[in-house]
Amino acid sequence: MTPDRIFYPLAILVALGLIALAAVFPQSEGDRSPGRFGHTPTQQTAEAIALARRNAELDLEARKAEAAIKAQAEAALARAAPLK
């Protein structure tokens, strides 16, 4: 078992080290970091934005095509088996 007078100072040093690391290296997947550590996040690059827009357009086209096919199938069923 580690004595308290050794453990707590070490825990404080580890905590201060982690805080210092977070202060100088805050880059994540979100906004750009300040200074020399910053780089454009991958979601904000022109290629990623264009790809996301293209995927959204393709999804919209696919949903429209699906709705058209479903409407045609429902119309065919309504013509084939009218209600009595």
Protein backbone atom coordinates (compact mmCIF):
# COMPACT_ATOMS: atom_id res chain seq x y z
CA MET A 1 0.00 0.00 0.00
CA THR A 2 1.33 3.44 -0.96
CA PRO A 3 1.50 5.96 1.89
CA ASP A 4 -0.74 8.99 1.55
CA ARG A 5 2.16 11.45 1.67
CA ILE A 6 3.57 9.86 -1.50
CA PHE A 7 0.29 9.17 -3.33
CA TYR A 8 -1.36 12.61 -3.07
CA PRO A 9 1.62 14.67 -4.26
CA LEU A 10 2.01 12.25 -7.19
CA ALA A 11 -1.71 12.52 -7.97
CA ILE A 12 -1.41 16.34 -7.94
CA LEU A 13 1.58 16.19 -10.29
CA VAL A 14 -0.28 13.89 -12.68
CA ALA A 15 -3.34 16.17 -12.59
CA LEU A 16 -1.23 19.27 -13.26
CA GLY A 17 0.55 17.48 -16.08
CA LEU A 18 -2.74 16.54 -17.71
CA ILE A 19 -4.04 20.10 -17.37
CA ALA A 20 -0.85 21.46 -18.94
CA LEU A 21 -1.16 18.96 -21.79
CA ALA A 22 -4.76 20.00 -22.38
CA ALA A 23 -3.74 23.66 -22.43
CA VAL A 24 -1.13 23.20 -25.18
CA PHE A 25 -2.77 20.44 -27.19
CA PRO A 26 -6.54 21.07 -27.33
CA GLN A 27 -7.06 19.79 -30.89
CA SER A 28 -10.01 17.45 -31.31
CA GLU A 29 -12.65 16.76 -33.93
CA GLY A 30 -14.38 20.08 -33.22
CA ASP A 31 -13.23 23.63 -33.82
CA ARG A 32 -9.76 24.61 -34.86
CA SER A 33 -7.15 24.92 -32.12
CA PRO A 34 -5.25 28.15 -31.59
CA GLY A 35 -1.70 28.80 -32.64
CA ARG A 36 0.79 26.35 -33.99
CA PHE A 37 -1.15 23.31 -32.78
CA GLY A 38 -4.20 24.04 -34.91
CA HIS A 39 -5.10 22.35 -38.15
CA THR A 40 -8.33 22.20 -40.07
CA PRO A 41 -10.49 19.34 -38.76
CA THR A 42 -11.27 16.73 -41.39
CA GLN A 43 -15.00 17.52 -41.31
CA GLN A 44 -14.25 21.13 -42.30
CA THR A 45 -12.06 20.43 -45.33
CA ALA A 46 -13.47 21.29 -48.73
CA GLU A 47 -13.39 17.65 -49.81
CA ALA A 48 -15.33 16.45 -46.76
CA ILE A 49 -17.94 19.19 -47.15
CA ALA A 50 -18.38 18.40 -50.85
CA LEU A 51 -18.67 14.68 -50.07
CA ALA A 52 -21.28 15.31 -47.38
CA ARG A 53 -23.34 17.48 -49.76
CA ARG A 54 -23.08 14.86 -52.50
CA ASN A 55 -24.17 12.12 -50.10
CA ALA A 56 -27.13 14.24 -49.00
CA GLU A 57 -28.15 14.76 -52.64
CA LEU A 58 -27.87 11.04 -53.36
CA ASP A 59 -29.93 10.21 -50.28
CA LEU A 60 -32.62 12.65 -51.36
CA GLU A 61 -32.69 11.19 -54.88
CA ALA A 62 -32.92 7.66 -53.46
CA ARG A 63 -35.82 8.66 -51.18
CA LYS A 64 -37.64 10.28 -54.10
CA ALA A 65 -37.15 7.18 -56.25
CA GLU A 66 -38.33 4.94 -53.40
CA ALA A 67 -41.45 7.07 -52.92
CA ALA A 68 -42.21 6.95 -56.65
CA ILE A 69 -41.86 3.16 -56.75
CA LYS A 70 -44.05 2.81 -53.66
CA ALA A 71 -46.71 5.09 -55.20
CA GLN A 72 -46.67 3.07 -58.43
CA ALA A 73 -47.01 -0.20 -56.51
CA GLU A 74 -49.90 1.16 -54.46
CA ALA A 75 -51.63 2.43 -57.61
CA ALA A 76 -51.19 -0.95 -59.29
CA LEU A 77 -52.64 -2.73 -56.26
CA ALA A 78 -55.58 -0.34 -56.16
CA ARG A 79 -56.35 -0.99 -59.85
CA ALA A 80 -55.90 -4.76 -59.56
CA ALA A 81 -58.03 -5.35 -56.47
CA PRO A 82 -60.74 -2.70 -56.04
CA LEU A 83 -62.53 -2.58 -52.72
CA LYS A 84 -66.01 -4.19 -52.60
